[in-house]
Amino acid sequence: MQRMPVALVGLGRIASLLEGDPLREKPCTHTGAVSANPETILVAGADQDPKPRQTFAETWECPVYAEAEKMLHVHAPQILVIATHPDSHAYYCKMAAAYQVPVAICEKPLADTLYHARVIAALHRSAQITILTNHERRYGADYSKAKAILDAGQLGSLVSLKATLYMGKNRRILDVLWHDGTHLADAIMFLSGSVMRHQRIWGANLNRRTGTAYLAGYLDASRGRERIPSKKPRFLLEIGAERDHLVFELEFSCTQGRLRIGNGIFEVWESHESPYAQGFRSLRKTPDTFEGPTGYFANMLKDAVTCVRDPEHQPCSSALDGLRVIQYLNAVRPWIRTRACL
């Protein structure tokens, strides 16, 4: 069977360079996933900057271009990976559709604005092109296992959710939220099967590089926007700066237990009769955990390949999922300079 041609536009860290990190699970880049998949073949890469073009050409021994349009014309890939800055995602998605590329994998965040995210989602809905969003945790075996536990009701009903994100000592909190928070928000919506609705924010102003901001809201599993019932699960996000360490962690509090998942974390706690006080119940950590590779990049590319072979197949992480994250982030933006965020 002939291997499926894949091309990339944007040849930086997530496209290729992170493959050199000896500590990361492999593959950990788009190019690494293409190289490892027996059904795909890397045919070309494009970047306006000559330095990453040269590095990419030397590393992967394939043609490179300054202009993506010329690359698409010459190589006609069946999958295009868009790993450029978010403000160009809509431009390249439209270009891919114009050149009849069946599938595009678009880096997160899906776009730089809600308008551009809607443009990309509209392309996906039109069936001109299938667009995946790189919310990689949807493709990880650990997050799939966590979702199965929650969906099965093993821990009862979800009551509340707390999530923590620290991604750099000197970065603006808003940048952490907008770029890394896309993964956090999508993981919350994926695991809960709900849409995040923003309500309030307090703590450090998101424009600062110090302190901690807290974002609160509720999870909406309904299709409408009716007045919030009292039983809808609440969430609290803690987004912080100044820390010299990275933290990506979610804690689902349920009626009969708790599930914690994140970078290097997979814990399941169940309710049992308390050994500490008569007539009470306590949480006990179960031996249920996760070990082994998550397969996140490899599984995402497999999903893209399936989309090419079956145009009716809906990807696990589509442009519509990317749009929902941008809608949530966009709802937070008007609160940045209000008195609620000091």
Protein backbone atom coordinates (compact mmCIF):
# COMPACT_ATOMS: atom_id res chain seq x y z
CA MET A 1 0.00 0.00 0.00
CA GLN A 2 1.31 3.42 -0.94
CA ARG A 3 2.29 5.57 2.01
CA MET A 4 0.30 8.72 2.66
CA PRO A 5 2.21 11.99 1.94
CA VAL A 6 2.41 14.46 4.84
CA ALA A 7 3.80 18.01 4.75
CA LEU A 8 4.37 20.61 7.46
CA VAL A 9 4.20 24.39 7.56
CA GLY A 10 6.07 25.82 10.52
CA LEU A 11 9.25 23.92 11.38
CA GLY A 12 9.91 24.84 15.00
CA ARG A 13 9.77 23.04 18.35
CA ILE A 14 6.52 21.13 18.13
CA ALA A 15 7.03 20.37 14.45
CA SER A 16 10.42 18.74 14.90
CA LEU A 17 12.93 20.13 17.38
CA LEU A 18 11.50 18.61 20.57
CA GLU A 19 12.26 15.16 19.18
CA GLY A 20 15.79 15.78 20.45
CA ASP A 21 14.65 15.94 24.08
CA PRO A 22 15.96 12.68 25.62
CA LEU A 23 13.37 12.70 28.43
CA ARG A 24 10.18 13.00 26.39
CA GLU A 25 8.10 10.05 25.28
CA LYS A 26 8.66 9.42 21.58
CA PRO A 27 7.33 10.46 19.21
CA CYS A 28 6.81 13.90 20.75
CA THR A 29 6.58 15.99 17.58
CA HIS A 30 4.53 15.95 14.40
CA THR A 31 7.50 14.95 12.27
CA GLY A 32 8.49 12.23 14.71
CA ALA A 33 4.96 10.80 14.49
CA VAL A 34 5.03 10.88 10.69
CA SER A 35 8.42 9.15 10.62
CA ALA A 36 7.26 6.43 13.05
CA ASN A 37 4.00 5.65 11.26
CA PRO A 38 4.30 2.94 8.57
CA GLU A 39 1.35 4.41 6.67
CA THR A 40 2.76 7.93 6.24
CA ILE A 41 5.76 9.54 4.60
CA LEU A 42 7.21 13.00 5.10
CA VAL A 43 7.39 14.77 1.73
CA ALA A 44 8.23 18.41 2.55
CA GLY A 45 8.31 21.27 5.02
CA ALA A 46 7.80 25.02 4.75
CA ASP A 47 8.88 27.93 6.91
CA GLN A 48 9.52 31.60 6.12
CA ASP A 49 12.59 31.59 8.37
CA PRO A 50 15.67 30.11 6.63
CA LYS A 51 17.27 28.82 9.84
CA PRO A 52 14.56 26.28 10.77
CA ARG A 53 14.30 25.35 7.10
CA GLN A 54 17.96 24.41 7.01
CA THR A 55 17.79 22.48 10.30
CA PHE A 56 14.68 20.61 9.17
CA ALA A 57 16.18 19.70 5.78
CA GLU A 58 19.38 18.40 7.37
CA THR A 59 17.56 16.43 10.09
CA TRP A 60 14.82 14.82 8.01
CA GLU A 61 16.45 14.87 4.55
CA CYS A 62 13.44 16.24 2.70
CA PRO A 63 12.68 19.30 0.53
CA VAL A 64 11.93 22.60 2.24
CA TYR A 65 10.21 25.73 0.99
CA ALA A 66 9.91 29.36 2.01
CA GLU A 67 6.32 29.45 0.76
CA ALA A 68 3.73 26.88 1.81
CA GLU A 69 1.66 27.47 -1.33
CA LYS A 70 4.48 26.30 -3.57
CA MET A 71 5.00 23.25 -1.37
CA LEU A 72 1.31 22.31 -1.65
CA HIS A 73 1.39 22.78 -5.42
CA VAL A 74 4.47 20.57 -5.89
CA HIS A 75 3.78 17.78 -3.37
CA ALA A 76 -0.05 17.63 -2.98
CA PRO A 77 0.04 16.17 0.56
CA GLN A 78 -2.96 14.34 1.95
CA ILE A 79 -2.23 15.61 5.45
CA LEU A 80 -0.93 19.11 6.20
CA VAL A 81 0.40 19.88 9.68
CA ILE A 82 0.02 23.57 10.57
CA ALA A 83 2.53 24.35 13.31
CA THR A 84 2.80 28.12 12.86
CA HIS A 85 1.80 30.99 15.15
CA PRO A 86 -1.95 31.00 15.95
CA ASP A 87 -2.57 34.23 14.00
CA SER A 88 -1.77 32.38 10.76
CA HIS A 89 -3.78 29.20 11.39
CA ALA A 90 -6.92 30.38 9.59
CA TYR A 91 -4.84 31.51 6.62
CA TYR A 92 -3.16 28.12 6.20
CA CYS A 93 -6.38 26.18 6.83
CA LYS A 94 -8.04 28.09 4.01
CA MET A 95 -5.01 27.52 1.79
CA ALA A 96 -5.11 23.79 2.51
CA ALA A 97 -8.79 23.65 1.62
CA ALA A 98 -8.15 25.57 -1.61
CA TYR A 99 -5.51 23.00 -2.60
CA GLN A 100 -7.93 20.17 -1.73
CA VAL A 101 -5.84 18.76 1.10
CA PRO A 102 -8.18 16.22 2.74
CA VAL A 103 -6.95 16.64 6.34
CA ALA A 104 -5.12 19.31 8.32
CA ILE A 105 -3.68 18.98 11.82
CA CYS A 106 -3.71 22.44 13.41
CA GLU A 107 -1.62 23.32 16.43
CA LYS A 108 -3.23 24.77 19.54
CA PRO A 109 -4.60 27.26 20.28
CA LEU A 110 -6.80 26.81 17.23
CA ALA A 111 -6.59 30.54 16.44
CA ASP A 112 -5.60 33.89 17.90
CA THR A 113 -9.17 35.26 17.95
CA LEU A 114 -12.70 33.95 18.27
CA TYR A 115 -13.45 35.17 14.74
CA HIS A 116 -10.58 33.19 13.21
CA ALA A 117 -11.51 30.12 15.28
CA ARG A 118 -15.03 30.32 13.86
CA VAL A 119 -13.62 30.58 10.33
CA ILE A 120 -11.60 27.38 10.85
CA ALA A 121 -14.55 25.58 12.44
CA ALA A 122 -16.76 26.60 9.51
CA LEU A 123 -14.25 25.06 7.09
CA HIS A 124 -14.38 21.82 9.06
CA ARG A 125 -18.19 21.83 9.16
CA SER A 126 -18.39 22.45 5.41
CA ALA A 127 -16.60 19.13 4.76
CA GLN A 128 -14.17 20.88 2.39
CA ILE A 129 -11.44 19.70 4.73
CA THR A 130 -11.25 17.78 8.01
CA ILE A 131 -9.35 19.76 10.64
CA LEU A 132 -7.88 18.23 13.79
CA THR A 133 -6.77 20.39 16.73
CA ASN A 134 -3.66 19.26 18.56
CA HIS A 135 -5.25 18.80 21.97
CA GLU A 136 -2.90 15.89 22.49
CA ARG A 137 -4.33 14.64 25.78
CA ARG A 138 -7.46 13.44 24.00
CA TYR A 139 -5.17 10.94 22.29
CA GLY A 140 -3.28 9.83 25.39
CA ALA A 141 -4.00 6.38 26.81
CA ASP A 142 -3.89 7.82 30.35
CA TYR A 143 -6.60 10.39 29.70
CA SER A 144 -8.70 7.82 27.83
CA LYS A 145 -8.50 5.57 30.88
CA ALA A 146 -9.49 8.44 33.17
CA LYS A 147 -12.48 9.27 30.97
CA ALA A 148 -13.61 5.63 31.03
CA ILE A 149 -13.53 5.65 34.85
CA LEU A 150 -15.55 8.86 35.05
CA ASP A 151 -18.03 7.85 32.34
CA ALA A 152 -18.66 4.47 33.98
CA GLY A 153 -19.69 6.18 37.22
CA GLN A 154 -17.09 4.22 39.18
CA LEU A 155 -16.65 7.23 41.49
CA GLY A 156 -20.25 8.40 41.42
CA SER A 157 -21.38 11.73 39.99
CA LEU A 158 -19.02 14.65 39.39
CA VAL A 159 -19.54 17.41 41.95
CA SER A 160 -16.62 19.77 41.41
CA LEU A 161 -13.29 20.14 39.64
CA LYS A 162 -10.04 21.87 40.59
CA ALA A 163 -7.20 22.38 38.11
CA THR A 164 -3.73 23.87 38.51
CA LEU A 165 -1.42 25.24 35.83
CA TYR A 166 2.09 26.66 36.35
CA MET A 167 4.10 26.93 33.14
CA GLY A 168 7.05 29.22 33.62
CA LYS A 169 8.56 31.52 36.22
CA ASN A 170 8.55 34.77 34.22
CA ARG A 171 5.68 34.37 31.76
CA ARG A 172 2.56 36.53 31.83
CA ILE A 173 -0.33 34.67 33.42
CA LEU A 174 -2.48 35.50 30.38
CA ASP A 175 0.07 33.85 28.06
CA VAL A 176 0.10 30.73 30.24
CA LEU A 177 -3.69 30.63 30.16
CA TRP A 178 -4.00 31.27 26.42
CA HIS A 179 -1.30 28.87 25.22
CA ASP A 180 -0.93 26.11 27.81
CA GLY A 181 -4.40 26.66 29.26
CA THR A 182 -5.86 25.45 25.97
CA HIS A 183 -4.70 21.94 26.88
CA LEU A 184 -6.08 22.34 30.40
CA ALA A 185 -9.50 23.60 29.25
CA ASP A 186 -9.82 20.95 26.57
CA ALA A 187 -8.83 18.16 28.97
CA ILE A 188 -11.53 19.36 31.39
CA MET A 189 -14.18 19.39 28.66
CA PHE A 190 -13.02 16.04 27.23
CA LEU A 191 -13.01 14.22 30.57
CA SER A 192 -16.25 15.74 31.87
CA GLY A 193 -18.17 15.67 28.58
CA SER A 194 -19.20 19.27 29.30
CA VAL A 195 -18.61 22.83 28.14
CA MET A 196 -16.87 25.29 30.45
CA ARG A 197 -18.86 28.44 31.34
CA HIS A 198 -16.90 31.30 32.89
CA GLN A 199 -18.36 33.19 35.88
CA ARG A 200 -15.73 35.14 37.78
CA ILE A 201 -12.02 35.78 38.26
CA TRP A 202 -9.95 37.08 41.17
CA GLY A 203 -6.37 37.21 42.37
CA ALA A 204 -3.49 38.48 40.24
CA ASN A 205 -4.27 40.39 37.07
CA LEU A 206 -3.72 38.17 34.04
CA ASN A 207 -1.37 40.76 32.53
CA ARG A 208 1.09 40.30 35.40
CA ARG A 209 4.10 37.99 35.61
CA THR A 210 3.70 37.48 39.37
CA GLY A 211 1.10 35.95 41.61
CA THR A 212 -1.82 33.61 41.05
CA ALA A 213 -5.13 34.10 39.29
CA TYR A 214 -8.26 32.09 40.06
CA LEU A 215 -10.97 31.46 37.48
CA ALA A 216 -14.32 30.00 38.49
CA GLY A 217 -17.28 28.72 36.53
CA TYR A 218 -19.47 25.72 35.93
CA LEU A 219 -19.59 22.73 33.61
CA ASP A 220 -22.54 22.65 31.26
CA ALA A 221 -23.47 19.32 29.70
CA SER A 222 -26.66 20.69 28.15
CA ARG A 223 -26.91 22.14 24.66
CA GLY A 224 -28.78 25.25 25.69
CA ARG A 225 -27.71 28.23 27.78
CA GLU A 226 -30.51 28.09 30.36
CA ARG A 227 -30.12 29.58 33.81
CA ILE A 228 -27.59 27.56 35.79
CA PRO A 229 -29.20 24.90 38.01
CA SER A 230 -27.68 24.46 41.45
CA LYS A 231 -26.49 20.92 40.71
CA LYS A 232 -24.16 21.71 37.79
CA PRO A 233 -20.53 20.92 38.70
CA ARG A 234 -18.35 23.92 39.47
CA PHE A 235 -14.71 24.31 38.49
CA LEU A 236 -11.85 26.36 39.86
CA LEU A 237 -8.69 27.01 37.85
CA GLU A 238 -5.47 28.17 39.51
CA ILE A 239 -3.12 29.79 36.98
CA GLY A 240 0.16 30.97 38.43
CA ALA A 241 3.51 32.60 37.70
CA GLU A 242 6.79 32.84 39.69
CA ARG A 243 7.13 29.07 40.22
CA ASP A 244 10.37 27.48 39.01
CA HIS A 245 8.50 24.24 38.21
CA LEU A 246 5.77 23.12 35.85
CA VAL A 247 2.43 21.82 37.09
CA PHE A 248 -0.46 20.52 34.98
CA GLU A 249 -2.99 18.82 37.22
CA LEU A 250 -6.74 18.12 37.33
CA GLU A 251 -8.70 16.82 40.31
CA PHE A 252 -12.25 15.52 39.80
CA SER A 253 -14.23 15.37 43.05
CA CYS A 254 -17.13 12.93 42.81
CA THR A 255 -19.84 11.74 45.18
CA GLN A 256 -18.01 8.50 45.91
CA GLY A 257 -14.37 9.27 45.21
CA ARG A 258 -11.73 11.39 43.54
CA LEU A 259 -9.60 11.18 40.40
CA ARG A 260 -6.35 13.09 39.93
CA ILE A 261 -4.55 13.23 36.61
CA GLY A 262 -1.80 15.38 35.16
CA ASN A 263 1.86 15.39 34.26
CA GLY A 264 3.24 12.32 36.06
CA ILE A 265 0.00 11.87 38.05
CA PHE A 266 -2.72 9.24 37.86
CA GLU A 267 -4.56 8.53 41.11
CA VAL A 268 -7.96 7.01 41.86
CA TRP A 269 -9.43 7.36 45.35
CA GLU A 270 -12.60 5.58 46.48
CA SER A 271 -14.90 6.08 49.45
CA HIS A 272 -14.72 3.47 52.24
CA GLU A 273 -15.79 3.17 55.86
CA SER A 274 -13.41 5.39 57.79
CA PRO A 275 -10.75 3.80 60.01
CA TYR A 276 -10.40 7.10 61.86
CA ALA A 277 -13.93 7.92 63.05
CA GLN A 278 -16.98 5.74 63.62
CA GLY A 279 -19.93 6.49 61.37
CA PHE A 280 -17.86 8.36 58.78
CA ARG A 281 -16.36 7.51 55.41
CA SER A 282 -12.88 8.37 54.14
CA LEU A 283 -11.12 8.24 50.81
CA ARG A 284 -8.67 5.40 50.20
CA LYS A 285 -6.20 5.42 47.33
CA THR A 286 -6.68 2.42 45.04
CA PRO A 287 -3.87 0.55 43.28
CA ASP A 288 -5.37 1.69 39.96
CA THR A 289 -2.78 3.78 38.13
CA PHE A 290 -1.27 4.28 34.70
CA GLU A 291 2.11 3.15 33.45
CA GLY A 292 3.64 2.94 30.01
CA PRO A 293 3.56 5.15 26.93
CA THR A 294 0.54 7.37 26.36
CA GLY A 295 0.90 7.32 22.55
CA TYR A 296 -0.49 10.84 22.27
CA PHE A 297 1.28 12.04 19.08
CA ALA A 298 1.21 8.63 17.43
CA ASN A 299 -2.51 8.23 18.07
CA MET A 300 -3.29 11.70 16.77
CA LEU A 301 -1.61 10.93 13.46
CA LYS A 302 -3.44 7.59 13.27
CA ASP A 303 -6.69 9.52 13.69
CA ALA A 304 -5.69 11.86 10.86
CA VAL A 305 -4.89 8.89 8.61
CA THR A 306 -8.31 7.41 9.37
CA CYS A 307 -9.92 10.73 8.43
CA VAL A 308 -8.20 10.63 5.04
CA ARG A 309 -9.30 7.06 4.38
CA ASP A 310 -12.83 7.64 5.67
CA PRO A 311 -14.14 11.20 5.05
CA GLU A 312 -17.16 10.44 7.26
CA HIS A 313 -14.97 9.77 10.29
CA GLN A 314 -15.04 12.49 12.94
CA PRO A 315 -11.69 13.01 14.69
CA CYS A 316 -11.34 12.67 18.44
CA SER A 317 -10.08 16.27 18.55
CA SER A 318 -11.61 18.40 15.81
CA ALA A 319 -11.74 22.11 15.00
CA LEU A 320 -15.05 22.18 16.84
CA ASP A 321 -13.29 21.14 20.05
CA GLY A 322 -10.66 23.80 19.37
CA LEU A 323 -13.43 26.38 18.91
CA ARG A 324 -15.01 25.51 22.28
CA VAL A 325 -11.70 26.21 24.03
CA ILE A 326 -11.34 29.58 22.27
CA GLN A 327 -14.93 30.45 23.22
CA TYR A 328 -14.10 29.82 26.87
CA LEU A 329 -10.85 31.81 26.74
CA ASN A 330 -12.61 34.63 24.93
CA ALA A 331 -15.23 34.77 27.70
CA VAL A 332 -12.42 35.32 30.23
CA ARG A 333 -10.80 38.22 28.35
CA PRO A 334 -13.26 41.01 29.30
CA TRP A 335 -12.51 40.33 32.99
CA ILE A 336 -8.78 40.99 32.74
CA ARG A 337 -8.84 44.69 33.67
CA THR A 338 -11.92 44.68 35.93
CA ARG A 339 -11.82 45.23 39.67
CA ALA A 340 -12.57 41.57 40.14
CA CYS A 341 -9.00 40.86 39.08
CA LEU A 342 -6.72 42.94 41.31
